[in-house]
Amino acid sequence: MRRSSCSGIHFDRIGHGAFGLLLAYPLREIVGRLSGVRGALVYWLSIAAVLALSSVFEIIEAVVAEIVSPGAGPAWLGAQGDEWDAQMDIAAALGGACAAMLATFLIERLTARTQTVAPP
């Protein structure tokens, strides 16, 4: 794999991680309010939605790359010789979504615990 001049930092992966991190909570709110789903399922559904959207984005990206540059799609996408680029991008989005849902769960649990404790 070829490294960039930025000491090997994959800014693309940071972007995909941020995609999952920033999109999971709004999706959780939408799913929870529109469907009435509660509990652990609402967390799982928002993570699954982030995975689905990330996968669709990668598919669209590959199709556009093949249309724009037939036969040279991976080079045009900037995969830099990494045949697992799409899967790693999706995994980064998954990591971001899991981090967001874990933080949301912990904050809600802590908030609920402090609200149930009666002042002396």
N, C-alpha and C. Protein backbone atom coordinates (compact mmCIF):
# COMPACT_ATOMS: atom_id res chain seq x y z
N MET A 1 0.85 -1.17 0.00
CA MET A 1 0.00 0.00 0.00
C MET A 1 0.90 1.24 0.00
N ARG A 2 0.56 2.17 -0.84
CA ARG A 2 1.32 3.40 -0.94
C ARG A 2 0.87 4.37 0.14
N ARG A 3 1.84 4.99 0.79
CA ARG A 3 1.54 5.96 1.84
C ARG A 3 1.53 7.37 1.27
N SER A 4 0.68 8.20 1.84
CA SER A 4 0.64 9.59 1.40
C SER A 4 1.73 10.38 2.12
N SER A 5 1.85 11.63 1.76
CA SER A 5 2.88 12.46 2.37
C SER A 5 2.51 12.88 3.79
N CYS A 6 1.32 12.54 4.26
CA CYS A 6 0.86 12.92 5.60
C CYS A 6 1.14 11.81 6.60
N SER A 7 2.27 11.17 6.50
CA SER A 7 2.74 10.12 7.42
C SER A 7 1.75 8.97 7.56
N GLY A 8 1.06 8.64 6.49
CA GLY A 8 0.21 7.47 6.48
C GLY A 8 -1.15 7.65 7.13
N ILE A 9 -1.55 8.84 7.46
CA ILE A 9 -2.86 9.06 8.05
C ILE A 9 -3.91 8.95 6.95
N HIS A 10 -4.90 8.14 7.19
CA HIS A 10 -5.98 7.96 6.21
C HIS A 10 -7.10 8.94 6.53
N PHE A 11 -7.08 10.10 5.91
CA PHE A 11 -8.10 11.10 6.17
C PHE A 11 -9.47 10.63 5.70
N ASP A 12 -9.48 9.77 4.69
CA ASP A 12 -10.73 9.20 4.22
C ASP A 12 -11.40 8.38 5.33
N ARG A 13 -10.62 7.62 6.05
CA ARG A 13 -11.16 6.80 7.14
C ARG A 13 -11.66 7.68 8.28
N ILE A 14 -10.98 8.77 8.53
CA ILE A 14 -11.44 9.72 9.56
C ILE A 14 -12.80 10.28 9.16
N GLY A 15 -12.94 10.59 7.88
CA GLY A 15 -14.23 11.10 7.37
C GLY A 15 -15.34 10.07 7.50
N HIS A 16 -15.04 8.82 7.19
CA HIS A 16 -16.06 7.78 7.32
C HIS A 16 -16.39 7.51 8.78
N GLY A 17 -15.40 7.57 9.66
CA GLY A 17 -15.66 7.43 11.08
C GLY A 17 -16.54 8.55 11.60
N ALA A 18 -16.27 9.77 11.14
CA ALA A 18 -17.08 10.92 11.53
C ALA A 18 -18.50 10.78 10.99
N PHE A 19 -18.63 10.20 9.80
CA PHE A 19 -19.95 9.95 9.22
C PHE A 19 -20.79 9.10 10.19
N GLY A 20 -20.21 8.01 10.66
CA GLY A 20 -20.93 7.15 11.60
C GLY A 20 -21.17 7.82 12.94
N LEU A 21 -20.16 8.53 13.42
CA LEU A 21 -20.25 9.19 14.72
C LEU A 21 -21.33 10.26 14.73
N LEU A 22 -21.40 11.05 13.68
CA LEU A 22 -22.31 12.19 13.64
C LEU A 22 -23.71 11.84 13.15
N LEU A 23 -23.86 10.72 12.44
CA LEU A 23 -25.16 10.38 11.88
C LEU A 23 -25.96 9.43 12.78
N ALA A 24 -25.28 8.67 13.63
CA ALA A 24 -25.97 7.66 14.43
C ALA A 24 -27.00 8.26 15.39
N TYR A 25 -26.64 9.32 16.09
CA TYR A 25 -27.58 9.90 17.06
C TYR A 25 -28.83 10.49 16.39
N PRO A 26 -28.69 11.29 15.32
CA PRO A 26 -29.91 11.78 14.66
C PRO A 26 -30.78 10.63 14.12
N LEU A 27 -30.16 9.58 13.60
CA LEU A 27 -30.94 8.43 13.14
C LEU A 27 -31.66 7.75 14.31
N ARG A 28 -31.00 7.69 15.45
CA ARG A 28 -31.63 7.11 16.64
C ARG A 28 -32.86 7.91 17.04
N GLU A 29 -32.74 9.22 17.01
CA GLU A 29 -33.89 10.07 17.36
C GLU A 29 -35.03 9.90 16.36
N ILE A 30 -34.71 9.84 15.08
CA ILE A 30 -35.74 9.67 14.04
C ILE A 30 -36.43 8.33 14.20
N VAL A 31 -35.64 7.26 14.35
CA VAL A 31 -36.22 5.92 14.49
C VAL A 31 -37.06 5.85 15.76
N GLY A 32 -36.55 6.38 16.85
CA GLY A 32 -37.29 6.33 18.11
C GLY A 32 -38.59 7.11 18.08
N ARG A 33 -38.60 8.24 17.45
CA ARG A 33 -39.80 9.07 17.43
C ARG A 33 -40.83 8.61 16.41
N LEU A 34 -40.37 8.20 15.23
CA LEU A 34 -41.32 7.83 14.19
C LEU A 34 -41.86 6.42 14.34
N SER A 35 -41.08 5.50 14.85
CA SER A 35 -41.52 4.11 14.93
C SER A 35 -41.97 3.71 16.33
N GLY A 36 -41.58 4.47 17.32
CA GLY A 36 -41.95 4.13 18.68
C GLY A 36 -41.10 3.02 19.29
N VAL A 37 -40.03 2.63 18.60
CA VAL A 37 -39.15 1.59 19.10
C VAL A 37 -38.37 2.14 20.28
N ARG A 38 -38.22 1.34 21.32
CA ARG A 38 -37.48 1.75 22.51
C ARG A 38 -36.48 0.69 22.89
N GLY A 39 -35.66 1.01 23.87
CA GLY A 39 -34.71 0.04 24.40
C GLY A 39 -33.50 -0.16 23.50
N ALA A 40 -32.92 -1.35 23.62
CA ALA A 40 -31.69 -1.65 22.89
C ALA A 40 -31.91 -1.68 21.38
N LEU A 41 -33.13 -1.98 20.95
CA LEU A 41 -33.40 -2.09 19.52
C LEU A 41 -33.18 -0.77 18.79
N VAL A 42 -33.50 0.35 19.42
CA VAL A 42 -33.33 1.65 18.76
C VAL A 42 -31.84 1.94 18.54
N TYR A 43 -30.99 1.50 19.45
CA TYR A 43 -29.54 1.67 19.27
C TYR A 43 -29.06 0.81 18.11
N TRP A 44 -29.51 -0.44 18.09
CA TRP A 44 -29.09 -1.36 17.04
C TRP A 44 -29.57 -0.90 15.68
N LEU A 45 -30.82 -0.43 15.60
CA LEU A 45 -31.35 0.03 14.31
C LEU A 45 -30.60 1.24 13.77
N SER A 46 -30.19 2.14 14.63
CA SER A 46 -29.44 3.30 14.14
C SER A 46 -28.05 2.89 13.65
N ILE A 47 -27.42 1.93 14.33
CA ILE A 47 -26.13 1.43 13.86
C ILE A 47 -26.30 0.70 12.53
N ALA A 48 -27.36 -0.10 12.41
CA ALA A 48 -27.63 -0.81 11.16
C ALA A 48 -27.91 0.17 10.02
N ALA A 49 -28.60 1.25 10.31
CA ALA A 49 -28.88 2.25 9.28
C ALA A 49 -27.61 2.93 8.81
N VAL A 50 -26.70 3.23 9.74
CA VAL A 50 -25.41 3.82 9.35
C VAL A 50 -24.64 2.85 8.47
N LEU A 51 -24.64 1.57 8.81
CA LEU A 51 -23.96 0.57 7.98
C LEU A 51 -24.59 0.50 6.59
N ALA A 52 -25.91 0.51 6.52
CA ALA A 52 -26.59 0.45 5.24
C ALA A 52 -26.27 1.68 4.39
N LEU A 53 -26.34 2.86 4.99
CA LEU A 53 -26.04 4.08 4.24
C LEU A 53 -24.59 4.13 3.78
N SER A 54 -23.69 3.67 4.62
CA SER A 54 -22.27 3.64 4.25
C SER A 54 -22.03 2.66 3.10
N SER A 55 -22.70 1.52 3.14
CA SER A 55 -22.57 0.54 2.06
C SER A 55 -23.13 1.08 0.75
N VAL A 56 -24.28 1.72 0.83
CA VAL A 56 -24.87 2.32 -0.38
C VAL A 56 -23.94 3.38 -0.96
N PHE A 57 -23.35 4.19 -0.09
CA PHE A 57 -22.41 5.21 -0.56
C PHE A 57 -21.22 4.57 -1.27
N GLU A 58 -20.68 3.50 -0.73
CA GLU A 58 -19.54 2.83 -1.36
C GLU A 58 -19.93 2.22 -2.71
N ILE A 59 -21.13 1.68 -2.81
CA ILE A 59 -21.60 1.13 -4.08
C ILE A 59 -21.76 2.24 -5.12
N ILE A 60 -22.39 3.33 -4.72
CA ILE A 60 -22.54 4.47 -5.63
C ILE A 60 -21.18 4.99 -6.07
N GLU A 61 -20.25 5.07 -5.14
CA GLU A 61 -18.90 5.54 -5.45
C GLU A 61 -18.24 4.63 -6.49
N ALA A 62 -18.40 3.32 -6.35
CA ALA A 62 -17.80 2.38 -7.31
C ALA A 62 -18.47 2.48 -8.68
N VAL A 63 -19.79 2.62 -8.71
CA VAL A 63 -20.50 2.74 -9.98
C VAL A 63 -20.10 4.02 -10.70
N VAL A 64 -20.04 5.11 -9.98
CA VAL A 64 -19.63 6.39 -10.59
C VAL A 64 -18.19 6.30 -11.09
N ALA A 65 -17.32 5.65 -10.34
CA ALA A 65 -15.93 5.51 -10.77
C ALA A 65 -15.85 4.70 -12.06
N GLU A 66 -16.67 3.68 -12.20
CA GLU A 66 -16.66 2.87 -13.42
C GLU A 66 -17.25 3.64 -14.60
N ILE A 67 -18.22 4.49 -14.35
CA ILE A 67 -18.81 5.29 -15.42
C ILE A 67 -17.82 6.36 -15.89
N VAL A 68 -17.18 7.03 -14.94
CA VAL A 68 -16.26 8.12 -15.27
C VAL A 68 -14.98 7.60 -15.93
N SER A 69 -14.47 6.51 -15.39
CA SER A 69 -13.20 5.99 -15.89
C SER A 69 -13.28 4.47 -16.03
N PRO A 70 -13.87 3.97 -17.12
CA PRO A 70 -14.04 2.52 -17.28
C PRO A 70 -12.70 1.78 -17.20
N GLY A 71 -12.68 0.75 -16.37
CA GLY A 71 -11.48 -0.06 -16.23
C GLY A 71 -10.47 0.46 -15.23
N ALA A 72 -10.55 1.72 -14.86
CA ALA A 72 -9.59 2.30 -13.93
C ALA A 72 -10.28 2.80 -12.66
N GLY A 73 -11.38 2.15 -12.31
CA GLY A 73 -12.17 2.58 -11.16
C GLY A 73 -11.40 2.66 -9.86
N PRO A 74 -10.69 1.59 -9.46
CA PRO A 74 -9.97 1.67 -8.17
C PRO A 74 -8.92 2.78 -8.12
N ALA A 75 -8.23 2.99 -9.23
CA ALA A 75 -7.23 4.07 -9.26
C ALA A 75 -7.92 5.43 -9.16
N TRP A 76 -9.06 5.58 -9.81
CA TRP A 76 -9.78 6.85 -9.78
C TRP A 76 -10.33 7.12 -8.38
N LEU A 77 -10.75 6.06 -7.68
CA LEU A 77 -11.29 6.22 -6.33
C LEU A 77 -10.22 6.59 -5.32
N GLY A 78 -8.98 6.37 -5.66
CA GLY A 78 -7.91 6.68 -4.72
C GLY A 78 -7.71 5.58 -3.69
N ALA A 79 -8.00 4.35 -4.08
CA ALA A 79 -7.86 3.23 -3.16
C ALA A 79 -6.39 2.98 -2.82
N GLN A 80 -5.48 3.51 -3.59
CA GLN A 80 -4.04 3.43 -3.35
C GLN A 80 -3.58 1.99 -3.21
N GLY A 81 -4.14 1.12 -4.04
CA GLY A 81 -3.72 -0.27 -4.02
C GLY A 81 -4.32 -1.09 -2.90
N ASP A 82 -5.22 -0.53 -2.14
CA ASP A 82 -5.84 -1.26 -1.03
C ASP A 82 -7.14 -1.88 -1.52
N GLU A 83 -7.14 -3.19 -1.69
CA GLU A 83 -8.34 -3.85 -2.21
C GLU A 83 -9.47 -3.91 -1.19
N TRP A 84 -9.18 -3.64 0.06
CA TRP A 84 -10.18 -3.65 1.12
C TRP A 84 -10.58 -2.24 1.53
N ASP A 85 -10.36 -1.26 0.67
CA ASP A 85 -10.65 0.13 1.00
C ASP A 85 -12.13 0.35 1.36
N ALA A 86 -13.04 -0.18 0.56
CA ALA A 86 -14.47 0.01 0.82
C ALA A 86 -14.87 -0.63 2.14
N GLN A 87 -14.35 -1.82 2.40
CA GLN A 87 -14.70 -2.51 3.64
C GLN A 87 -14.13 -1.77 4.86
N MET A 88 -12.93 -1.24 4.73
CA MET A 88 -12.34 -0.48 5.84
C MET A 88 -13.09 0.82 6.08
N ASP A 89 -13.57 1.45 5.01
CA ASP A 89 -14.37 2.67 5.16
C ASP A 89 -15.68 2.37 5.89
N ILE A 90 -16.31 1.26 5.53
CA ILE A 90 -17.55 0.86 6.19
C ILE A 90 -17.29 0.52 7.65
N ALA A 91 -16.17 -0.14 7.92
CA ALA A 91 -15.80 -0.47 9.30
C ALA A 91 -15.54 0.79 10.12
N ALA A 92 -14.97 1.81 9.50
CA ALA A 92 -14.75 3.07 10.20
C ALA A 92 -16.08 3.72 10.56
N ALA A 93 -17.04 3.67 9.63
CA ALA A 93 -18.38 4.20 9.92
C ALA A 93 -19.04 3.40 11.04
N LEU A 94 -18.86 2.08 11.03
CA LEU A 94 -19.39 1.24 12.09
C LEU A 94 -18.78 1.61 13.44
N GLY A 95 -17.48 1.80 13.46
CA GLY A 95 -16.82 2.20 14.71
C GLY A 95 -17.34 3.52 15.24
N GLY A 96 -17.52 4.49 14.34
CA GLY A 96 -18.06 5.78 14.76
C GLY A 96 -19.48 5.67 15.28
N ALA A 97 -20.31 4.87 14.61
CA ALA A 97 -21.70 4.69 15.04
C ALA A 97 -21.76 3.98 16.39
N CYS A 98 -20.92 2.96 16.58
CA CYS A 98 -20.89 2.25 17.87
C CYS A 98 -20.43 3.17 18.99
N ALA A 99 -19.44 4.00 18.71
CA ALA A 99 -18.96 4.95 19.72
C ALA A 99 -20.06 5.95 20.09
N ALA A 100 -20.79 6.43 19.10
CA ALA A 100 -21.86 7.38 19.36
C ALA A 100 -22.98 6.75 20.18
N MET A 101 -23.35 5.52 19.85
CA MET A 101 -24.43 4.87 20.57
C MET A 101 -24.00 4.46 21.98
N LEU A 102 -22.74 4.07 22.14
CA LEU A 102 -22.25 3.76 23.48
C LEU A 102 -22.24 5.01 24.35
N ALA A 103 -21.76 6.12 23.79
CA ALA A 103 -21.76 7.38 24.54
C ALA A 103 -23.18 7.82 24.87
N THR A 104 -24.10 7.68 23.93
CA THR A 104 -25.49 8.05 24.16
C THR A 104 -26.10 7.19 25.27
N PHE A 105 -25.86 5.89 25.21
CA PHE A 105 -26.38 4.99 26.23
C PHE A 105 -25.85 5.35 27.61
N LEU A 106 -24.54 5.58 27.70
CA LEU A 106 -23.94 5.90 29.00
C LEU A 106 -24.43 7.24 29.54
N ILE A 107 -24.56 8.23 28.69
CA ILE A 107 -25.05 9.54 29.12
C ILE A 107 -26.50 9.45 29.59
N GLU A 108 -27.33 8.72 28.83
CA GLU A 108 -28.73 8.58 29.23
C GLU A 108 -28.86 7.81 30.53
N ARG A 109 -28.03 6.80 30.70
CA ARG A 109 -28.08 6.01 31.94
C ARG A 109 -27.64 6.86 33.13
N LEU A 110 -26.58 7.64 32.95
CA LEU A 110 -26.10 8.51 34.02
C LEU A 110 -27.13 9.57 34.35
N THR A 111 -27.76 10.15 33.34
CA THR A 111 -28.77 11.17 33.54
C THR A 111 -29.98 10.59 34.27
N ALA A 112 -30.40 9.40 33.87
CA ALA A 112 -31.55 8.77 34.52
C ALA A 112 -31.23 8.43 35.97
N ARG A 113 -30.02 8.02 36.23
CA ARG A 113 -29.61 7.67 37.60
C ARG A 113 -29.60 8.90 38.49
N THR A 114 -29.11 10.03 37.99
CA THR A 114 -29.04 11.25 38.82
C THR A 114 -30.43 11.84 39.01
N GLN A 115 -31.35 11.64 38.08
CA GLN A 115 -32.71 12.17 38.23
C GLN A 115 -33.55 11.33 39.20
N THR A 116 -33.20 10.06 39.37
CA THR A 116 -33.99 9.22 40.27
C THR A 116 -33.54 9.34 41.72
N VAL A 117 -32.35 9.89 41.95
CA VAL A 117 -31.85 10.06 43.30
C VAL A 117 -32.51 11.32 43.89
N ALA A 118 -33.24 11.13 44.95
CA ALA A 118 -33.95 12.25 45.57
C ALA A 118 -32.96 13.05 46.45
N PRO A 119 -33.09 14.36 46.44
CA PRO A 119 -32.21 15.17 47.31
C PRO A 119 -32.59 14.95 48.77
N PRO A 120 -31.61 15.04 49.67
CA PRO A 120 -31.89 14.80 51.10
C PRO A 120 -32.72 15.89 51.74
